[in-house]
Amino acid sequence: MSFIIELSRPVESRLQSEAIKAGVSTTEYAAELIAKSLPVVTLDLAEQKRLNAPSIQLLEAWLQRARTPATAEQIAEAEAEQAAFMRNMNAPRKESGERLLYPDVETLKEGG
């Protein structure tokens, strides 16, 4: 939606000056000012639940997965992936002589 707003010269100058300081166009800056000055619209409970449903389903799936006991094979695989990740994160730092993010990773066994 677009509007045409007549501004006095001093207000227009201040708006342009502040937009330049913010690094945005005058139009963008004016839109931000208007949006910030308007009250926040609160949703009714049913609409909040509807909008939150996908996030809640995802969190519940993660919780269910966390409650399911892992097999020894899954644990070993996860530990091996973690050790590989840490080694990969260390590699460029090791080459450049920087402090390693995971200095103890070299002591871990290759298989976990």
N, C-alpha and C. Protein backbone atom coordinates (compact mmCIF):
# COMPACT_ATOMS: atom_id res chain seq x y z
N MET A 1 0.85 -1.16 0.00
CA MET A 1 0.00 0.00 0.00
C MET A 1 0.90 1.23 0.00
N SER A 2 0.52 2.22 -0.71
CA SER A 2 1.33 3.44 -0.74
C SER A 2 0.46 4.63 -0.37
N PHE A 3 1.12 5.63 0.20
CA PHE A 3 0.47 6.87 0.61
C PHE A 3 1.28 8.04 0.09
N ILE A 4 0.62 9.14 -0.06
CA ILE A 4 1.31 10.39 -0.35
C ILE A 4 1.11 11.27 0.87
N ILE A 5 2.23 11.67 1.47
CA ILE A 5 2.16 12.49 2.67
C ILE A 5 2.88 13.81 2.40
N GLU A 6 2.20 14.90 2.66
CA GLU A 6 2.81 16.22 2.50
C GLU A 6 3.53 16.57 3.80
N LEU A 7 4.81 16.85 3.69
CA LEU A 7 5.61 17.21 4.87
C LEU A 7 6.12 18.64 4.71
N SER A 8 6.27 19.30 5.85
CA SER A 8 6.88 20.63 5.80
C SER A 8 8.36 20.46 5.47
N ARG A 9 8.98 21.51 4.97
CA ARG A 9 10.40 21.45 4.58
C ARG A 9 11.30 21.00 5.74
N PRO A 10 11.11 21.57 6.94
CA PRO A 10 11.99 21.15 8.05
C PRO A 10 11.83 19.66 8.38
N VAL A 11 10.59 19.16 8.36
CA VAL A 11 10.35 17.74 8.66
C VAL A 11 10.95 16.87 7.56
N GLU A 12 10.77 17.28 6.32
CA GLU A 12 11.32 16.53 5.19
C GLU A 12 12.85 16.47 5.29
N SER A 13 13.47 17.57 5.63
CA SER A 13 14.93 17.62 5.77
C SER A 13 15.41 16.70 6.88
N ARG A 14 14.71 16.74 8.02
CA ARG A 14 15.09 15.86 9.14
C ARG A 14 14.92 14.40 8.76
N LEU A 15 13.83 14.09 8.06
CA LEU A 15 13.57 12.71 7.62
C LEU A 15 14.69 12.23 6.69
N GLN A 16 15.05 13.05 5.73
CA GLN A 16 16.12 12.68 4.80
C GLN A 16 17.45 12.51 5.52
N SER A 17 17.73 13.41 6.43
CA SER A 17 18.98 13.35 7.19
C SER A 17 19.07 12.06 8.01
N GLU A 18 17.99 11.71 8.70
CA GLU A 18 17.98 10.50 9.52
C GLU A 18 18.04 9.24 8.66
N ALA A 19 17.41 9.28 7.50
CA ALA A 19 17.46 8.13 6.59
C ALA A 19 18.87 7.91 6.10
N ILE A 20 19.57 8.99 5.78
CA ILE A 20 20.97 8.87 5.34
C ILE A 20 21.82 8.28 6.46
N LYS A 21 21.63 8.76 7.68
CA LYS A 21 22.37 8.23 8.83
C LYS A 21 22.11 6.73 9.00
N ALA A 22 20.86 6.31 8.78
CA ALA A 22 20.48 4.90 8.94
C ALA A 22 20.90 4.07 7.74
N GLY A 23 21.28 4.72 6.65
CA GLY A 23 21.72 4.00 5.46
C GLY A 23 20.59 3.37 4.66
N VAL A 24 19.42 3.97 4.75
CA VAL A 24 18.26 3.47 3.99
C VAL A 24 17.63 4.61 3.22
N SER A 25 16.71 4.27 2.33
CA SER A 25 16.02 5.32 1.58
C SER A 25 15.07 6.06 2.52
N THR A 26 14.69 7.25 2.09
CA THR A 26 13.75 8.05 2.88
C THR A 26 12.42 7.32 3.04
N THR A 27 11.99 6.65 1.98
CA THR A 27 10.73 5.90 2.03
C THR A 27 10.82 4.77 3.05
N GLU A 28 11.93 4.02 3.01
CA GLU A 28 12.09 2.91 3.97
C GLU A 28 12.12 3.44 5.40
N TYR A 29 12.84 4.53 5.60
CA TYR A 29 12.94 5.10 6.94
C TYR A 29 11.58 5.55 7.45
N ALA A 30 10.81 6.22 6.58
CA ALA A 30 9.48 6.67 6.98
C ALA A 30 8.58 5.49 7.32
N ALA A 31 8.67 4.41 6.52
CA ALA A 31 7.86 3.22 6.79
C ALA A 31 8.24 2.60 8.13
N GLU A 32 9.55 2.56 8.43
CA GLU A 32 9.99 2.03 9.73
C GLU A 32 9.46 2.86 10.88
N LEU A 33 9.53 4.18 10.74
CA LEU A 33 9.02 5.07 11.79
C LEU A 33 7.54 4.83 12.05
N ILE A 34 6.78 4.70 11.00
CA ILE A 34 5.34 4.47 11.14
C ILE A 34 5.08 3.12 11.80
N ALA A 35 5.78 2.09 11.33
CA ALA A 35 5.59 0.74 11.90
C ALA A 35 5.93 0.71 13.38
N LYS A 36 7.01 1.40 13.77
CA LYS A 36 7.42 1.43 15.18
C LYS A 36 6.43 2.17 16.05
N SER A 37 5.74 3.15 15.49
CA SER A 37 4.84 3.97 16.29
C SER A 37 3.45 3.34 16.45
N LEU A 38 3.13 2.34 15.64
CA LEU A 38 1.82 1.70 15.72
C LEU A 38 1.80 0.65 16.83
N PRO A 39 0.66 0.47 17.48
CA PRO A 39 0.58 -0.55 18.53
C PRO A 39 0.71 -1.95 17.95
N VAL A 40 1.24 -2.84 18.77
CA VAL A 40 1.38 -4.23 18.36
C VAL A 40 0.01 -4.89 18.41
N VAL A 41 -0.32 -5.62 17.36
CA VAL A 41 -1.60 -6.32 17.30
C VAL A 41 -1.41 -7.69 17.95
N THR A 42 -2.25 -7.98 18.92
CA THR A 42 -2.16 -9.28 19.57
C THR A 42 -3.20 -10.21 18.95
N LEU A 43 -2.80 -11.45 18.75
CA LEU A 43 -3.68 -12.44 18.14
C LEU A 43 -4.51 -13.12 19.22
N ASP A 44 -5.68 -13.58 18.85
CA ASP A 44 -6.47 -14.33 19.82
C ASP A 44 -5.82 -15.69 20.04
N LEU A 45 -6.21 -16.37 21.09
CA LEU A 45 -5.57 -17.62 21.49
C LEU A 45 -5.65 -18.68 20.40
N ALA A 46 -6.77 -18.81 19.73
CA ALA A 46 -6.93 -19.81 18.67
C ALA A 46 -5.97 -19.55 17.52
N GLU A 47 -5.80 -18.29 17.13
CA GLU A 47 -4.89 -17.94 16.05
C GLU A 47 -3.44 -18.18 16.46
N GLN A 48 -3.10 -17.87 17.71
CA GLN A 48 -1.75 -18.14 18.21
C GLN A 48 -1.45 -19.64 18.16
N LYS A 49 -2.41 -20.45 18.59
CA LYS A 49 -2.22 -21.91 18.56
C LYS A 49 -2.04 -22.40 17.13
N ARG A 50 -2.85 -21.88 16.21
CA ARG A 50 -2.75 -22.30 14.81
C ARG A 50 -1.38 -21.96 14.23
N LEU A 51 -0.89 -20.76 14.52
CA LEU A 51 0.40 -20.33 14.01
C LEU A 51 1.57 -21.08 14.65
N ASN A 52 1.40 -21.47 15.91
CA ASN A 52 2.47 -22.17 16.63
C ASN A 52 2.47 -23.68 16.40
N ALA A 53 1.41 -24.22 15.83
CA ALA A 53 1.26 -25.68 15.70
C ALA A 53 2.45 -26.35 15.01
N PRO A 54 2.96 -25.86 13.87
CA PRO A 54 4.10 -26.54 13.24
C PRO A 54 5.34 -26.57 14.13
N SER A 55 5.60 -25.49 14.84
CA SER A 55 6.77 -25.45 15.73
C SER A 55 6.59 -26.43 16.88
N ILE A 56 5.40 -26.47 17.42
CA ILE A 56 5.13 -27.38 18.54
C ILE A 56 5.26 -28.83 18.09
N GLN A 57 4.77 -29.15 16.90
CA GLN A 57 4.91 -30.51 16.37
C GLN A 57 6.37 -30.90 16.22
N LEU A 58 7.18 -29.98 15.72
CA LEU A 58 8.60 -30.25 15.56
C LEU A 58 9.27 -30.47 16.90
N LEU A 59 8.98 -29.62 17.88
CA LEU A 59 9.56 -29.78 19.21
C LEU A 59 9.13 -31.10 19.85
N GLU A 60 7.86 -31.47 19.68
CA GLU A 60 7.38 -32.74 20.23
C GLU A 60 8.07 -33.92 19.57
N ALA A 61 8.33 -33.84 18.27
CA ALA A 61 9.05 -34.91 17.58
C ALA A 61 10.47 -35.03 18.12
N TRP A 62 11.12 -33.89 18.35
CA TRP A 62 12.48 -33.92 18.91
C TRP A 62 12.47 -34.51 20.30
N LEU A 63 11.48 -34.14 21.12
CA LEU A 63 11.40 -34.69 22.47
C LEU A 63 11.18 -36.20 22.44
N GLN A 64 10.30 -36.65 21.54
CA GLN A 64 10.04 -38.09 21.42
C GLN A 64 11.32 -38.83 21.03
N ARG A 65 12.06 -38.25 20.07
CA ARG A 65 13.31 -38.88 19.64
C ARG A 65 14.32 -38.91 20.80
N ALA A 66 14.34 -37.84 21.61
CA ALA A 66 15.26 -37.78 22.74
C ALA A 66 14.89 -38.79 23.81
N ARG A 67 13.60 -39.12 23.93
CA ARG A 67 13.15 -40.08 24.95
C ARG A 67 13.40 -41.53 24.52
N THR A 68 13.59 -41.74 23.21
CA THR A 68 13.81 -43.09 22.70
C THR A 68 15.27 -43.46 22.93
N PRO A 69 15.51 -44.56 23.65
CA PRO A 69 16.90 -44.94 23.93
C PRO A 69 17.66 -45.24 22.63
N ALA A 70 18.89 -44.76 22.57
CA ALA A 70 19.74 -45.00 21.41
C ALA A 70 20.44 -46.35 21.56
N THR A 71 20.64 -47.00 20.44
CA THR A 71 21.38 -48.26 20.46
C THR A 71 22.87 -47.95 20.56
N ALA A 72 23.64 -48.95 20.92
CA ALA A 72 25.08 -48.78 21.02
C ALA A 72 25.67 -48.36 19.67
N GLU A 73 25.10 -48.91 18.60
CA GLU A 73 25.58 -48.56 17.26
C GLU A 73 25.29 -47.09 16.95
N GLN A 74 24.11 -46.60 17.31
CA GLN A 74 23.76 -45.19 17.07
C GLN A 74 24.66 -44.26 17.88
N ILE A 75 24.95 -44.65 19.11
CA ILE A 75 25.82 -43.84 19.96
C ILE A 75 27.23 -43.78 19.36
N ALA A 76 27.75 -44.93 18.94
CA ALA A 76 29.09 -44.97 18.34
C ALA A 76 29.14 -44.13 17.07
N GLU A 77 28.09 -44.21 16.26
CA GLU A 77 28.04 -43.43 15.02
C GLU A 77 28.01 -41.93 15.33
N ALA A 78 27.23 -41.54 16.31
CA ALA A 78 27.13 -40.13 16.68
C ALA A 78 28.47 -39.62 17.23
N GLU A 79 29.15 -40.44 18.03
CA GLU A 79 30.45 -40.03 18.57
C GLU A 79 31.48 -39.90 17.46
N ALA A 80 31.44 -40.81 16.48
CA ALA A 80 32.37 -40.74 15.35
C ALA A 80 32.11 -39.48 14.53
N GLU A 81 30.83 -39.16 14.30
CA GLU A 81 30.47 -37.94 13.56
C GLU A 81 30.95 -36.69 14.30
N GLN A 82 30.77 -36.70 15.62
CA GLN A 82 31.20 -35.55 16.41
C GLN A 82 32.72 -35.39 16.35
N ALA A 83 33.46 -36.48 16.48
CA ALA A 83 34.92 -36.41 16.43
C ALA A 83 35.37 -35.92 15.05
N ALA A 84 34.73 -36.40 13.99
CA ALA A 84 35.08 -35.96 12.63
C ALA A 84 34.79 -34.47 12.47
N PHE A 85 33.67 -34.03 12.98
CA PHE A 85 33.33 -32.60 12.93
C PHE A 85 34.40 -31.78 13.63
N MET A 86 34.79 -32.18 14.83
CA MET A 86 35.78 -31.43 15.59
C MET A 86 37.13 -31.41 14.86
N ARG A 87 37.52 -32.54 14.28
CA ARG A 87 38.77 -32.57 13.52
C ARG A 87 38.70 -31.64 12.32
N ASN A 88 37.58 -31.64 11.62
CA ASN A 88 37.41 -30.77 10.46
C ASN A 88 37.42 -29.30 10.86
N MET A 89 36.87 -28.98 12.01
CA MET A 89 36.90 -27.60 12.49
C MET A 89 38.31 -27.19 12.89
N ASN A 90 39.09 -28.12 13.41
CA ASN A 90 40.46 -27.83 13.82
C ASN A 90 41.41 -27.70 12.63
N ALA A 91 41.16 -28.43 11.55
CA ALA A 91 42.13 -28.53 10.45
C ALA A 91 42.63 -27.18 9.93
N PRO A 92 41.76 -26.25 9.53
CA PRO A 92 42.29 -24.98 9.01
C PRO A 92 43.01 -24.17 10.07
N ARG A 93 42.57 -24.29 11.31
CA ARG A 93 43.22 -23.55 12.39
C ARG A 93 44.60 -24.14 12.66
N LYS A 94 44.72 -25.43 12.57
CA LYS A 94 46.00 -26.09 12.77
C LYS A 94 46.99 -25.66 11.69
N GLU A 95 46.52 -25.61 10.44
CA GLU A 95 47.36 -25.20 9.31
C GLU A 95 47.84 -23.76 9.45
N SER A 96 47.00 -22.89 10.00
CA SER A 96 47.37 -21.49 10.11
C SER A 96 48.04 -21.16 11.44
N GLY A 97 48.16 -22.15 12.33
CA GLY A 97 48.82 -21.93 13.61
C GLY A 97 47.94 -21.28 14.66
N GLU A 98 46.64 -21.20 14.39
CA GLU A 98 45.72 -20.62 15.37
C GLU A 98 45.42 -21.62 16.48
N ARG A 99 44.86 -21.09 17.56
CA ARG A 99 44.45 -21.93 18.68
C ARG A 99 43.35 -22.88 18.20
N LEU A 100 43.48 -24.17 18.57
CA LEU A 100 42.49 -25.17 18.16
C LEU A 100 41.21 -25.00 18.98
N LEU A 101 40.09 -25.18 18.32
CA LEU A 101 38.81 -25.11 19.00
C LEU A 101 38.60 -26.33 19.89
N TYR A 102 39.10 -27.46 19.43
CA TYR A 102 38.93 -28.74 20.15
C TYR A 102 40.30 -29.39 20.31
N PRO A 103 41.10 -28.92 21.28
CA PRO A 103 42.46 -29.44 21.42
C PRO A 103 42.52 -30.91 21.81
N ASP A 104 41.51 -31.42 22.47
CA ASP A 104 41.53 -32.81 22.94
C ASP A 104 41.00 -33.80 21.93
N VAL A 105 40.57 -33.36 20.77
CA VAL A 105 39.94 -34.26 19.80
C VAL A 105 40.94 -35.29 19.28
N GLU A 106 42.21 -34.95 19.22
CA GLU A 106 43.20 -35.89 18.70
C GLU A 106 43.35 -37.11 19.60
N THR A 107 42.97 -36.98 20.87
CA THR A 107 43.09 -38.12 21.78
C THR A 107 41.91 -39.08 21.65
N LEU A 108 40.86 -38.66 20.94
CA LEU A 108 39.70 -39.53 20.75
C LEU A 108 40.04 -40.61 19.73
N LYS A 109 39.48 -41.78 19.94
CA LYS A 109 39.69 -42.86 18.97
C LYS A 109 39.00 -42.50 17.67
N GLU A 110 39.52 -43.01 16.56
CA GLU A 110 38.96 -42.73 15.23
C GLU A 110 37.51 -43.19 15.16
N GLY A 111 37.18 -44.29 15.78
CA GLY A 111 35.82 -44.81 15.72
C GLY A 111 34.91 -44.21 16.75
N GLY A 112 35.33 -43.21 17.49
CA GLY A 112 34.48 -42.59 18.49
C GLY A 112 35.21 -42.49 19.72
